[in-house]
């Protein structure tokens, strides 16, 4: 027997044993189930039902949240190439349920899968957002809303379901929310729950053109303040847990009788080492804002280093993902101070 040998129809009772009892009409055809049989089984009071166009639920009861997710992906996903020539799995061998190319769960459903407590439970959602390429010729229908993207992000696999990463899922969720409190809760949980950094969220909101909405801008302001506070806490944790000497926290530096040099998050005056957090994020939808802020960071750093002060540049992401490594970077800078020429005297003031 080769791949071109005709297959005899498989008994319909086998389909009732499929773990996820939702299949596309193309999958059913691959099992030898004709279109007429599908229609007969999906008639009123029949054993099956049509969940979505081209997607059948192989039992008469309401779909589970898992079945709704897989049904949405079966409807929106591009069928795999040459699917008709694929030999179906034999009974008991497990059922392939991955014809989900070019489709990801996004929005509130994705956040529920990412275990956001501030997202509604899956079964309570009237709508499931599915991210597809802009070129897909489909329309939203039933409980599915199609969200189109120029390029799909890399999927996160959760319980066998391809899901949009948190920043993209947040942007798609926020696009459909008008209540400021709901938006603020989702954005805050993303940062507090260590799902992602504020800058990644703001970039996605910016690309989705959501930063013109006042309630979103207010939530972003709270998000950035929350993100900075969390990053500062991680610096305190780094100093305490990795045996670094205590610095002066959150201070401004000035030349005696001279200009303001800028603020730093931590400063060791005897060793002339400063730590500065980079919490940049585009705030108003313009790349120039980000570039201008980076130029300000760079000018301040260059000025301080000309005065003999070493500036260690840390980001919230580095502190979250590799705290011990960042402690090593700071410790190395502190130890190297003995090999440098003495720094210029600067005035240290509370910030």
C-alpha atoms as a PDB file:
ATOM      1  CA  UNK A   1       0.000   0.000   0.000  1.00  0.00           C
ATOM      2  CA  UNK A   2       1.343   3.439  -0.935  1.00  0.00           C
ATOM      3  CA  UNK A   3       0.205   7.019  -0.374  1.00  0.00           C
ATOM      4  CA  UNK A   4      -1.993   6.916  -3.485  1.00  0.00           C
ATOM      5  CA  UNK A   5      -3.970   3.828  -2.449  1.00  0.00           C
ATOM      6  CA  UNK A   6      -7.671   4.724  -1.878  1.00  0.00           C
ATOM      7  CA  UNK A   7      -8.744   4.542   1.740  1.00  0.00           C
ATOM      8  CA  UNK A   8     -11.999   2.940   2.772  1.00  0.00           C
ATOM      9  CA  UNK A   9     -14.281   5.078   4.945  1.00  0.00           C
ATOM     10  CA  UNK A  10     -13.513   4.798   8.639  1.00  0.00           C
ATOM     11  CA  UNK A  11     -16.384   4.085  11.038  1.00  0.00           C
ATOM     12  CA  UNK A  12     -17.984   7.231  12.437  1.00  0.00           C
ATOM     13  CA  UNK A  13     -17.924   5.813  15.962  1.00  0.00           C
ATOM     14  CA  UNK A  14     -14.119   6.230  15.867  1.00  0.00           C
ATOM     15  CA  UNK A  15     -14.569   9.976  15.563  1.00  0.00           C
ATOM     16  CA  UNK A  16     -16.468  10.144  18.838  1.00  0.00           C
ATOM     17  CA  UNK A  17     -13.310   8.975  20.599  1.00  0.00           C
ATOM     18  CA  UNK A  18     -11.204  11.894  19.380  1.00  0.00           C
ATOM     19  CA  UNK A  19      -9.820  13.759  22.400  1.00  0.00           C
ATOM     20  CA  UNK A  20     -10.853  17.112  21.023  1.00  0.00           C
ATOM     21  CA  UNK A  21     -14.222  16.416  19.494  1.00  0.00           C
ATOM     22  CA  UNK A  22     -14.047  19.184  16.935  1.00  0.00           C
ATOM     23  CA  UNK A  23     -12.958  18.652  13.327  1.00  0.00           C
ATOM     24  CA  UNK A  24     -12.971  20.497  10.045  1.00  0.00           C
ATOM     25  CA  UNK A  25     -14.893  19.153   7.085  1.00  0.00           C
ATOM     26  CA  UNK A  26     -11.522  18.622   5.380  1.00  0.00           C
ATOM     27  CA  UNK A  27     -10.396  16.397   8.260  1.00  0.00           C
ATOM     28  CA  UNK A  28     -13.655  14.496   8.095  1.00  0.00           C
ATOM     29  CA  UNK A  29     -13.217  13.936   4.364  1.00  0.00           C
ATOM     30  CA  UNK A  30      -9.736  12.570   5.087  1.00  0.00           C
ATOM     31  CA  UNK A  31     -11.469  10.049   7.363  1.00  0.00           C
ATOM     32  CA  UNK A  32     -13.772   9.015   4.546  1.00  0.00           C
ATOM     33  CA  UNK A  33     -16.806  10.952   5.792  1.00  0.00           C
ATOM     34  CA  UNK A  34     -18.739  12.418   2.870  1.00  0.00           C
ATOM     35  CA  UNK A  35     -20.298  15.856   2.785  1.00  0.00           C
ATOM     36  CA  UNK A  36     -23.727  14.219   2.783  1.00  0.00           C
ATOM     37  CA  UNK A  37     -22.886  12.289   5.946  1.00  0.00           C
ATOM     38  CA  UNK A  38     -21.647  15.470   7.613  1.00  0.00           C
ATOM     39  CA  UNK A  39     -24.887  17.270   6.740  1.00  0.00           C
ATOM     40  CA  UNK A  40     -26.967  14.368   8.013  1.00  0.00           C
ATOM     41  CA  UNK A  41     -25.126  14.229  11.321  1.00  0.00           C
ATOM     42  CA  UNK A  42     -25.364  18.019  11.811  1.00  0.00           C
ATOM     43  CA  UNK A  43     -29.141  18.241  11.239  1.00  0.00           C
ATOM     44  CA  UNK A  44     -31.335  19.425  14.137  1.00  0.00           C
ATOM     45  CA  UNK A  45     -31.455  16.798  16.877  1.00  0.00           C
ATOM     46  CA  UNK A  46     -28.522  15.039  15.186  1.00  0.00           C
ATOM     47  CA  UNK A  47     -25.442  13.710  17.040  1.00  0.00           C
ATOM     48  CA  UNK A  48     -23.179  16.478  15.696  1.00  0.00           C
ATOM     49  CA  UNK A  49     -23.501  20.228  15.182  1.00  0.00           C
ATOM     50  CA  UNK A  50     -21.878  22.882  13.046  1.00  0.00           C
ATOM     51  CA  UNK A  51     -19.683  24.949  15.343  1.00  0.00           C
ATOM     52  CA  UNK A  52     -18.461  27.326  12.637  1.00  0.00           C
ATOM     53  CA  UNK A  53     -18.509  27.292   8.837  1.00  0.00           C
ATOM     54  CA  UNK A  54     -16.516  24.230   7.826  1.00  0.00           C
ATOM     55  CA  UNK A  55     -16.040  23.103  11.434  1.00  0.00           C
ATOM     56  CA  UNK A  56     -18.098  20.421  13.197  1.00  0.00           C
ATOM     57  CA  UNK A  57     -18.545  19.616  16.862  1.00  0.00           C
ATOM     58  CA  UNK A  58     -18.871  15.868  17.199  1.00  0.00           C
ATOM     59  CA  UNK A  59     -21.396  15.881  20.033  1.00  0.00           C
ATOM     60  CA  UNK A  60     -24.735  17.642  20.582  1.00  0.00           C
ATOM     61  CA  UNK A  61     -23.935  19.482  23.810  1.00  0.00           C
ATOM     62  CA  UNK A  62     -22.409  22.936  24.275  1.00  0.00           C
ATOM     63  CA  UNK A  63     -18.724  23.224  23.326  1.00  0.00           C
ATOM     64  CA  UNK A  64     -16.064  23.353  25.998  1.00  0.00           C
ATOM     65  CA  UNK A  65     -13.635  26.263  26.085  1.00  0.00           C
ATOM     66  CA  UNK A  66     -10.949  24.004  24.562  1.00  0.00           C
ATOM     67  CA  UNK A  67     -13.290  22.989  21.740  1.00  0.00           C
ATOM     68  CA  UNK A  68     -14.120  26.631  21.001  1.00  0.00           C
ATOM     69  CA  UNK A  69     -10.406  27.474  20.808  1.00  0.00           C
ATOM     70  CA  UNK A  70      -9.581  24.610  18.476  1.00  0.00           C
ATOM     71  CA  UNK A  71     -12.680  25.283  16.405  1.00  0.00           C
ATOM     72  CA  UNK A  72     -11.620  28.916  16.002  1.00  0.00           C
ATOM     73  CA  UNK A  73      -8.150  27.840  14.880  1.00  0.00           C
ATOM     74  CA  UNK A  74      -9.543  25.223  12.478  1.00  0.00           C
ATOM     75  CA  UNK A  75     -11.738  27.891  10.908  1.00  0.00           C
ATOM     76  CA  UNK A  76      -9.061  30.579  10.647  1.00  0.00           C
ATOM     77  CA  UNK A  77      -5.939  28.481  10.060  1.00  0.00           C
ATOM     78  CA  UNK A  78      -4.648  27.869   6.567  1.00  0.00           C
ATOM     79  CA  UNK A  79      -4.896  24.152   5.737  1.00  0.00           C
ATOM     80  CA  UNK A  80      -1.487  22.461   5.416  1.00  0.00           C
ATOM     81  CA  UNK A  81      -0.165  21.997   1.891  1.00  0.00           C
ATOM     82  CA  UNK A  82      -1.311  18.808   0.133  1.00  0.00           C
ATOM     83  CA  UNK A  83      -3.538  17.916   3.088  1.00  0.00           C
ATOM     84  CA  UNK A  84      -5.695  15.702   0.889  1.00  0.00           C
ATOM     85  CA  UNK A  85      -2.771  13.330   0.264  1.00  0.00           C
ATOM     86  CA  UNK A  86      -1.974  12.913   3.943  1.00  0.00           C
ATOM     87  CA  UNK A  87      -2.613   9.408   5.266  1.00  0.00           C
ATOM     88  CA  UNK A  88      -4.869   9.715   8.316  1.00  0.00           C
ATOM     89  CA  UNK A  89      -3.786   8.382  11.674  1.00  0.00           C
ATOM     90  CA  UNK A  90      -5.002   4.909  12.554  1.00  0.00           C
ATOM     91  CA  UNK A  91      -7.403   4.303  15.438  1.00  0.00           C
ATOM     92  CA  UNK A  92      -5.681   4.575  18.792  1.00  0.00           C
ATOM     93  CA  UNK A  93      -2.639   6.331  17.313  1.00  0.00           C
ATOM     94  CA  UNK A  94      -3.749   9.800  18.383  1.00  0.00           C
ATOM     95  CA  UNK A  95      -5.346  12.418  16.186  1.00  0.00           C
ATOM     96  CA  UNK A  96      -3.313  15.182  14.489  1.00  0.00           C
ATOM     97  CA  UNK A  97      -4.959  18.506  15.347  1.00  0.00           C
ATOM     98  CA  UNK A  98      -2.475  21.018  14.022  1.00  0.00           C
ATOM     99  CA  UNK A  99      -3.754  22.500  10.742  1.00  0.00           C
ATOM    100  CA  UNK A 100      -3.404  25.904  12.379  1.00  0.00           C
ATOM    101  CA  UNK A 101      -0.807  27.459  10.097  1.00  0.00           C
ATOM    102  CA  UNK A 102      -1.074  31.254  10.092  1.00  0.00           C
ATOM    103  CA  UNK A 103      -3.511  31.513  13.018  1.00  0.00           C
ATOM    104  CA  UNK A 104      -2.957  32.433  16.683  1.00  0.00           C
ATOM    105  CA  UNK A 105      -5.325  33.012  19.592  1.00  0.00           C
ATOM    106  CA  UNK A 106      -4.985  36.631  20.719  1.00  0.00           C
ATOM    107  CA  UNK A 107      -6.817  39.256  22.786  1.00  0.00           C
ATOM    108  CA  UNK A 108      -8.605  38.375  26.019  1.00  0.00           C
ATOM    109  CA  UNK A 109      -8.708  34.652  25.200  1.00  0.00           C
ATOM    110  CA  UNK A 110      -4.927  34.634  24.838  1.00  0.00           C
ATOM    111  CA  UNK A 111      -4.499  36.498  28.129  1.00  0.00           C
ATOM    112  CA  UNK A 112      -6.728  33.929  29.842  1.00  0.00           C
ATOM    113  CA  UNK A 113      -4.444  31.201  28.456  1.00  0.00           C
ATOM    114  CA  UNK A 114      -1.442  33.170  29.779  1.00  0.00           C
ATOM    115  CA  UNK A 115      -3.220  32.905  33.186  1.00  0.00           C
ATOM    116  CA  UNK A 116      -4.102  36.573  33.658  1.00  0.00           C
ATOM    117  CA  UNK A 117      -6.396  36.806  36.678  1.00  0.00           C
ATOM    118  CA  UNK A 118      -7.734  40.132  35.356  1.00  0.00           C
ATOM    119  CA  UNK A 119      -8.868  38.511  32.062  1.00  0.00           C
ATOM    120  CA  UNK A 120     -12.340  36.912  31.970  1.00  0.00           C
ATOM    121  CA  UNK A 121     -12.504  33.087  32.007  1.00  0.00           C
ATOM    122  CA  UNK A 122     -12.541  31.510  28.561  1.00  0.00           C
ATOM    123  CA  UNK A 123     -16.081  30.162  28.828  1.00  0.00           C
ATOM    124  CA  UNK A 124     -17.445  33.623  29.710  1.00  0.00           C
ATOM    125  CA  UNK A 125     -16.068  35.218  26.538  1.00  0.00           C
ATOM    126  CA  UNK A 126     -18.650  35.889  23.851  1.00  0.00           C
ATOM    127  CA  UNK A 127     -15.872  36.350  21.328  1.00  0.00           C
ATOM    128  CA  UNK A 128     -12.497  34.753  20.639  1.00  0.00           C
ATOM    129  CA  UNK A 129      -9.945  36.867  18.776  1.00  0.00           C
ATOM    130  CA  UNK A 130      -7.809  35.035  16.215  1.00  0.00           C
ATOM    131  CA  UNK A 131      -4.744  36.673  14.688  1.00  0.00           C
ATOM    132  CA  UNK A 132      -4.270  35.936  10.976  1.00  0.00           C
ATOM    133  CA  UNK A 133      -2.172  37.404   8.143  1.00  0.00           C
ATOM    134  CA  UNK A 134      -3.609  40.434   6.407  1.00  0.00           C
ATOM    135  CA  UNK A 135      -3.957  38.441   3.187  1.00  0.00           C
ATOM    136  CA  UNK A 136      -6.315  35.773   4.630  1.00  0.00           C
ATOM    137  CA  UNK A 137      -9.652  35.840   2.775  1.00  0.00           C
ATOM    138  CA  UNK A 138     -11.973  35.226   5.689  1.00  0.00           C
ATOM    139  CA  UNK A 139     -14.542  37.230   7.597  1.00  0.00           C
ATOM    140  CA  UNK A 140     -15.353  37.285  11.270  1.00  0.00           C
ATOM    141  CA  UNK A 141     -18.268  34.994  12.052  1.00  0.00           C
ATOM    142  CA  UNK A 142     -20.045  33.441  15.001  1.00  0.00           C
ATOM    143  CA  UNK A 143     -17.934  33.767  18.128  1.00  0.00           C
ATOM    144  CA  UNK A 144     -14.760  34.551  16.166  1.00  0.00           C
ATOM    145  CA  UNK A 145     -13.321  37.978  15.484  1.00  0.00           C
ATOM    146  CA  UNK A 146     -10.444  37.955  13.031  1.00  0.00           C
ATOM    147  CA  UNK A 147      -7.576  40.341  13.752  1.00  0.00           C
ATOM    148  CA  UNK A 148      -5.253  40.928  10.823  1.00  0.00           C
ATOM    149  CA  UNK A 149      -1.505  41.481  11.029  1.00  0.00           C
ATOM    150  CA  UNK A 150       1.142  42.372   8.475  1.00  0.00           C
ATOM    151  CA  UNK A 151       3.387  39.720  10.041  1.00  0.00           C
ATOM    152  CA  UNK A 152       2.457  37.206  12.717  1.00  0.00           C
ATOM    153  CA  UNK A 153       4.547  37.131  15.910  1.00  0.00           C
ATOM    154  CA  UNK A 154       6.172  33.903  17.051  1.00  0.00           C
ATOM    155  CA  UNK A 155       3.519  31.793  18.738  1.00  0.00           C
ATOM    156  CA  UNK A 156       3.639  30.666  22.357  1.00  0.00           C
ATOM    157  CA  UNK A 157       2.364  27.091  22.697  1.00  0.00           C
ATOM    158  CA  UNK A 158       0.017  26.709  25.675  1.00  0.00           C
ATOM    159  CA  UNK A 159      -1.688  23.320  26.143  1.00  0.00           C
ATOM    160  CA  UNK A 160      -1.322  22.599  22.443  1.00  0.00           C
ATOM    161  CA  UNK A 161      -2.800  25.950  21.392  1.00  0.00           C
ATOM    162  CA  UNK A 162      -0.747  28.548  19.458  1.00  0.00           C
ATOM    163  CA  UNK A 163      -1.131  31.828  21.348  1.00  0.00           C
ATOM    164  CA  UNK A 164       0.079  35.359  20.646  1.00  0.00           C
ATOM    165  CA  UNK A 165       2.804  36.624  23.007  1.00  0.00           C
ATOM    166  CA  UNK A 166       1.586  38.817  25.852  1.00  0.00           C
ATOM    167  CA  UNK A 167       2.425  42.276  24.377  1.00  0.00           C
ATOM    168  CA  UNK A 168       0.535  41.549  21.146  1.00  0.00           C
ATOM    169  CA  UNK A 169      -2.371  39.880  22.977  1.00  0.00           C
ATOM    170  CA  UNK A 170      -2.628  42.923  25.254  1.00  0.00           C
ATOM    171  CA  UNK A 171      -2.773  45.344  22.339  1.00  0.00           C
ATOM    172  CA  UNK A 172      -5.531  43.313  20.658  1.00  0.00           C
ATOM    173  CA  UNK A 173      -7.459  43.101  23.934  1.00  0.00           C
ATOM    174  CA  UNK A 174      -7.103  46.824  24.697  1.00  0.00           C
ATOM    175  CA  UNK A 175      -8.337  47.682  21.196  1.00  0.00           C
ATOM    176  CA  UNK A 176     -11.754  46.350  22.182  1.00  0.00           C
ATOM    177  CA  UNK A 177     -11.943  47.795  25.710  1.00  0.00           C
ATOM    178  CA  UNK A 178     -13.413  51.200  26.517  1.00  0.00           C
ATOM    179  CA  UNK A 179     -13.326  50.889  30.310  1.00  0.00           C
ATOM    180  CA  UNK A 180     -10.222  52.539  31.749  1.00  0.00           C
ATOM    181  CA  UNK A 181     -10.080  50.337  34.839  1.00  0.00           C
ATOM    182  CA  UNK A 182     -10.069  47.122  32.803  1.00  0.00           C
ATOM    183  CA  UNK A 183      -7.233  48.410  30.625  1.00  0.00           C
ATOM    184  CA  UNK A 184      -5.198  49.509  33.650  1.00  0.00           C
ATOM    185  CA  UNK A 185      -5.662  46.145  35.403  1.00  0.00           C
ATOM    186  CA  UNK A 186      -4.478  44.169  32.379  1.00  0.00           C
ATOM    187  CA  UNK A 187      -1.411  46.334  31.769  1.00  0.00           C
ATOM    188  CA  UNK A 188      -0.453  46.349  35.442  1.00  0.00           C
ATOM    189  CA  UNK A 189      -0.767  42.566  35.758  1.00  0.00           C
ATOM    190  CA  UNK A 190       1.452  42.093  32.707  1.00  0.00           C
ATOM    191  CA  UNK A 191       4.305  43.865  34.494  1.00  0.00           C
ATOM    192  CA  UNK A 192       3.662  42.702  38.060  1.00  0.00           C
ATOM    193  CA  UNK A 193       3.304  39.118  36.863  1.00  0.00           C
ATOM    194  CA  UNK A 194       6.666  39.250  35.041  1.00  0.00           C
ATOM    195  CA  UNK A 195       5.016  38.507  31.706  1.00  0.00           C
ATOM    196  CA  UNK A 196       6.897  41.244  29.849  1.00  0.00           C
ATOM    197  CA  UNK A 197       8.470  44.681  30.166  1.00  0.00           C
ATOM    198  CA  UNK A 198       6.526  47.964  29.869  1.00  0.00           C
ATOM    199  CA  UNK A 199       8.501  49.040  26.801  1.00  0.00           C
ATOM    200  CA  UNK A 200       7.347  45.960  24.851  1.00  0.00           C
ATOM    201  CA  UNK A 201       3.708  46.693  25.721  1.00  0.00           C
ATOM    202  CA  UNK A 202       3.958  50.363  24.761  1.00  0.00           C
ATOM    203  CA  UNK A 203       5.562  49.460  21.422  1.00  0.00           C
ATOM    204  CA  UNK A 204       2.620  47.191  20.570  1.00  0.00           C
ATOM    205  CA  UNK A 205       0.071  49.797  21.678  1.00  0.00           C
ATOM    206  CA  UNK A 206       1.887  52.368  19.578  1.00  0.00           C
ATOM    207  CA  UNK A 207       1.904  50.124  16.496  1.00  0.00           C
ATOM    208  CA  UNK A 208      -1.808  49.491  16.983  1.00  0.00           C
ATOM    209  CA  UNK A 209      -2.371  53.294  17.121  1.00  0.00           C
ATOM    210  CA  UNK A 210      -3.974  53.057  20.534  1.00  0.00           C
ATOM    211  CA  UNK A 211      -1.925  55.798  22.209  1.00  0.00           C
ATOM    212  CA  UNK A 212      -4.364  58.439  20.968  1.00  0.00           C
ATOM    213  CA  UNK A 213      -7.065  57.149  23.329  1.00  0.00           C
ATOM    214  CA  UNK A 214      -7.055  59.090  26.627  1.00  0.00           C
ATOM    215  CA  UNK A 215      -7.924  56.087  28.818  1.00  0.00           C
ATOM    216  CA  UNK A 216      -5.095  54.079  27.235  1.00  0.00           C
ATOM    217  CA  UNK A 217      -2.601  56.925  27.727  1.00  0.00           C
ATOM    218  CA  UNK A 218      -3.588  57.160  31.402  1.00  0.00           C
ATOM    219  CA  UNK A 219      -3.107  53.417  31.819  1.00  0.00           C
ATOM    220  CA  UNK A 220       0.300  53.617  30.128  1.00  0.00           C
ATOM    221  CA  UNK A 221       1.412  56.350  32.529  1.00  0.00           C
ATOM    222  CA  UNK A 222       0.523  54.065  35.437  1.00  0.00           C
ATOM    223  CA  UNK A 223       2.217  51.144  33.678  1.00  0.00           C
ATOM    224  CA  UNK A 224       5.509  52.974  33.234  1.00  0.00           C
ATOM    225  CA  UNK A 225       5.503  54.131  36.849  1.00  0.00           C
ATOM    226  CA  UNK A 226       4.791  50.571  37.967  1.00  0.00           C
ATOM    227  CA  UNK A 227       7.546  49.204  35.729  1.00  0.00           C
ATOM    228  CA  UNK A 228      10.121  51.630  37.101  1.00  0.00           C
ATOM    229  CA  UNK A 229       9.156  50.835  40.698  1.00  0.00           C
ATOM    230  CA  UNK A 230       9.547  47.098  40.042  1.00  0.00           C
ATOM    231  CA  UNK A 231      12.928  47.622  38.366  1.00  0.00           C
ATOM    232  CA  UNK A 232      14.118  49.753  41.309  1.00  0.00           C
ATOM    233  CA  UNK A 233      13.045  46.999  43.703  1.00  0.00           C
ATOM    234  CA  UNK A 234      15.159  44.561  41.714  1.00  0.00           C
ATOM    235  CA  UNK A 235      18.209  46.816  42.106  1.00  0.00           C
ATOM    236  CA  UNK A 236      17.630  46.843  45.873  1.00  0.00           C
ATOM    237  CA  UNK A 237      17.327  43.048  45.734  1.00  0.00           C
ATOM    238  CA  UNK A 238      20.526  42.779  43.679  1.00  0.00           C
ATOM    239  CA  UNK A 239      22.510  44.798  46.226  1.00  0.00           C
ATOM    240  CA  UNK A 240      21.076  42.929  49.228  1.00  0.00           C
ATOM    241  CA  UNK A 241      21.289  39.379  47.888  1.00  0.00           C
ATOM    242  CA  UNK A 242      24.626  39.529  46.091  1.00  0.00           C
ATOM    243  CA  UNK A 243      26.778  41.195  48.736  1.00  0.00           C
ATOM    244  CA  UNK A 244      27.274  44.572  47.082  1.00  0.00           C
ATOM    245  CA  UNK A 245      28.108  47.575  49.295  1.00  0.00           C
ATOM    246  CA  UNK A 246      25.191  49.899  50.004  1.00  0.00           C
ATOM    247  CA  UNK A 247      25.054  52.859  47.610  1.00  0.00           C
ATOM    248  CA  UNK A 248      23.332  56.221  47.896  1.00  0.00           C
ATOM    249  CA  UNK A 249      19.909  55.712  46.330  1.00  0.00           C
ATOM    250  CA  UNK A 250      18.209  58.039  43.808  1.00  0.00           C
ATOM    251  CA  UNK A 251      20.506  61.036  43.890  1.00  0.00           C
ATOM    252  CA  UNK A 252      21.303  64.037  41.713  1.00  0.00           C
ATOM    253  CA  UNK A 253      24.911  64.846  40.818  1.00  0.00           C
ATOM    254  CA  UNK A 254      26.264  68.404  40.373  1.00  0.00           C
ATOM    255  CA  UNK A 255      29.640  70.014  39.938  1.00  0.00           C
ATOM    256  CA  UNK A 256      30.509  72.332  42.867  1.00  0.00           C
ATOM    257  CA  UNK A 257      29.016  75.682  41.913  1.00  0.00           C
ATOM    258  CA  UNK A 258      28.429  74.316  38.449  1.00  0.00           C
ATOM    259  CA  UNK A 259      25.759  72.710  36.304  1.00  0.00           C
ATOM    260  CA  UNK A 260      23.435  69.824  37.101  1.00  0.00           C
ATOM    261  CA  UNK A 261      24.927  66.551  35.810  1.00  0.00           C
ATOM    262  CA  UNK A 262      21.773  64.459  36.078  1.00  0.00           C
ATOM    263  CA  UNK A 263      20.138  61.936  38.361  1.00  0.00           C
ATOM    264  CA  UNK A 264      21.216  58.334  38.883  1.00  0.00           C
ATOM    265  CA  UNK A 265      19.442  55.444  40.578  1.00  0.00           C
ATOM    266  CA  UNK A 266      22.390  54.326  42.717  1.00  0.00           C
ATOM    267  CA  UNK A 267      25.787  55.912  43.407  1.00  0.00           C
ATOM    268  CA  UNK A 268      28.907  54.755  45.254  1.00  0.00           C
ATOM    269  CA  UNK A 269      30.715  58.087  45.894  1.00  0.00           C
ATOM    270  CA  UNK A 270      33.962  56.594  47.259  1.00  0.00           C
ATOM    271  CA  UNK A 271      34.301  54.407  44.171  1.00  0.00           C
ATOM    272  CA  UNK A 272      32.772  56.842  41.615  1.00  0.00           C
ATOM    273  CA  UNK A 273      30.379  54.243  40.186  1.00  0.00           C
ATOM    274  CA  UNK A 274      26.768  54.986  39.260  1.00  0.00           C
ATOM    275  CA  UNK A 275      23.876  52.753  38.154  1.00  0.00           C
ATOM    276  CA  UNK A 276      21.245  54.105  35.820  1.00  0.00           C
ATOM    277  CA  UNK A 277      18.012  52.412  34.786  1.00  0.00           C
ATOM    278  CA  UNK A 278      16.939  52.645  31.173  1.00  0.00           C
ATOM    279  CA  UNK A 279      13.137  52.599  31.202  1.00  0.00           C
ATOM    280  CA  UNK A 280      12.653  54.268  27.860  1.00  0.00           C
ATOM    281  CA  UNK A 281       9.443  53.590  25.989  1.00  0.00           C
ATOM    282  CA  UNK A 282       7.852  55.541  23.114  1.00  0.00           C
ATOM    283  CA  UNK A 283       5.124  57.547  24.820  1.00  0.00           C
ATOM    284  CA  UNK A 284       3.410  59.538  22.094  1.00  0.00           C
ATOM    285  CA  UNK A 285       3.712  57.461  18.978  1.00  0.00           C
ATOM    286  CA  UNK A 286       6.834  59.092  17.581  1.00  0.00           C
ATOM    287  CA  UNK A 287      10.175  57.401  17.155  1.00  0.00           C
ATOM    288  CA  UNK A 288      11.818  60.803  17.585  1.00  0.00           C
ATOM    289  CA  UNK A 289      10.771  60.879  21.258  1.00  0.00           C
ATOM    290  CA  UNK A 290      12.615  57.642  21.923  1.00  0.00           C
ATOM    291  CA  UNK A 291      15.678  58.822  19.998  1.00  0.00           C
ATOM    292  CA  UNK A 292      15.724  62.150  21.852  1.00  0.00           C
ATOM    293  CA  UNK A 293      15.546  60.415  25.206  1.00  0.00           C
ATOM    294  CA  UNK A 294      18.344  58.040  24.233  1.00  0.00           C
ATOM    295  CA  UNK A 295      20.477  61.024  23.183  1.00  0.00           C
ATOM    296  CA  UNK A 296      19.875  62.553  26.613  1.00  0.00           C
ATOM    297  CA  UNK A 297      20.969  59.301  28.294  1.00  0.00           C
ATOM    298  CA  UNK A 298      24.092  59.156  26.125  1.00  0.00           C
ATOM    299  CA  UNK A 299      25.080  62.794  26.756  1.00  0.00           C
ATOM    300  CA  UNK A 300      24.725  62.399  30.512  1.00  0.00           C
ATOM    301  CA  UNK A 301      26.748  59.170  30.501  1.00  0.00           C
ATOM    302  CA  UNK A 302      29.538  60.703  28.416  1.00  0.00           C
ATOM    303  CA  UNK A 303      29.700  63.764  30.667  1.00  0.00           C
ATOM    304  CA  UNK A 304      29.928  61.675  33.847  1.00  0.00           C
ATOM    305  CA  UNK A 305      32.552  59.364  32.389  1.00  0.00           C
ATOM    306  CA  UNK A 306      34.678  62.345  31.329  1.00  0.00           C
ATOM    307  CA  UNK A 307      34.651  63.276  35.018  1.00  0.00           C
ATOM    308  CA  UNK A 308      35.917  59.793  35.907  1.00  0.00           C
ATOM    309  CA  UNK A 309      32.561  58.366  37.032  1.00  0.00           C
ATOM    310  CA  UNK A 310      31.739  54.891  35.700  1.00  0.00           C
ATOM    311  CA  UNK A 311      28.091  54.537  34.688  1.00  0.00           C
ATOM    312  CA  UNK A 312      26.578  51.029  34.633  1.00  0.00           C
ATOM    313  CA  UNK A 313      23.557  50.981  32.367  1.00  0.00           C
ATOM    314  CA  UNK A 314      20.833  48.459  33.374  1.00  0.00           C
ATOM    315  CA  UNK A 315      17.459  47.687  31.817  1.00  0.00           C
ATOM    316  CA  UNK A 316      14.370  46.213  33.518  1.00  0.00           C
ATOM    317  CA  UNK A 317      14.601  43.197  31.203  1.00  0.00           C
ATOM    318  CA  UNK A 318      18.201  42.437  32.219  1.00  0.00           C
ATOM    319  CA  UNK A 319      17.299  42.771  35.889  1.00  0.00           C
ATOM    320  CA  UNK A 320      14.340  40.425  35.467  1.00  0.00           C
ATOM    321  CA  UNK A 321      16.093  37.767  33.409  1.00  0.00           C
ATOM    322  CA  UNK A 322      19.655  37.756  34.790  1.00  0.00           C
ATOM    323  CA  UNK A 323      19.888  39.473  38.173  1.00  0.00           C
ATOM    324  CA  UNK A 324      23.015  37.586  39.236  1.00  0.00           C
ATOM    325  CA  UNK A 325      24.798  38.490  36.002  1.00  0.00           C
ATOM    326  CA  UNK A 326      23.924  42.172  36.469  1.00  0.00           C
ATOM    327  CA  UNK A 327      25.285  42.008  40.034  1.00  0.00           C
ATOM    328  CA  UNK A 328      28.547  40.692  38.579  1.00  0.00           C
ATOM    329  CA  UNK A 329      28.678  43.604  36.133  1.00  0.00           C
ATOM    330  CA  UNK A 330      28.229  46.124  38.956  1.00  0.00           C
ATOM    331  CA  UNK A 331      30.735  44.329  41.222  1.00  0.00           C
ATOM    332  CA  UNK A 332      33.326  44.362  38.414  1.00  0.00           C
ATOM    333  CA  UNK A 333      32.864  48.109  37.971  1.00  0.00           C
ATOM    334  CA  UNK A 334      33.279  48.679  41.718  1.00  0.00           C
ATOM    335  CA  UNK A 335      36.440  46.565  41.877  1.00  0.00           C
ATOM    336  CA  UNK A 336      37.935  48.307  38.838  1.00  0.00           C
ATOM    337  CA  UNK A 337      37.703  51.706  40.547  1.00  0.00           C
ATOM    338  CA  UNK A 338      41.051  51.076  42.287  1.00  0.00           C
ATOM    339  CA  UNK A 339      42.783  50.965  38.880  1.00  0.00           C
ATOM    340  CA  UNK A 340      41.368  54.277  37.640  1.00  0.00           C
ATOM    341  CA  UNK A 341      42.509  57.825  38.183  1.00  0.00           C
ATOM    342  CA  UNK A 342      40.567  59.632  40.935  1.00  0.00           C
ATOM    343  CA  UNK A 343      37.277  61.050  39.724  1.00  0.00           C
ATOM    344  CA  UNK A 344      36.372  64.725  39.856  1.00  0.00           C
ATOM    345  CA  UNK A 345      34.622  65.843  43.023  1.00  0.00           C
ATOM    346  CA  UNK A 346      30.880  66.107  42.580  1.00  0.00           C
ATOM    347  CA  UNK A 347      28.098  67.242  44.908  1.00  0.00           C
ATOM    348  CA  UNK A 348      25.532  64.550  45.727  1.00  0.00           C
ATOM    349  CA  UNK A 349      21.974  65.688  46.507  1.00  0.00           C
ATOM    350  CA  UNK A 350      18.760  63.762  47.214  1.00  0.00           C
ATOM    351  CA  UNK A 351      16.545  63.410  44.170  1.00  0.00           C
END
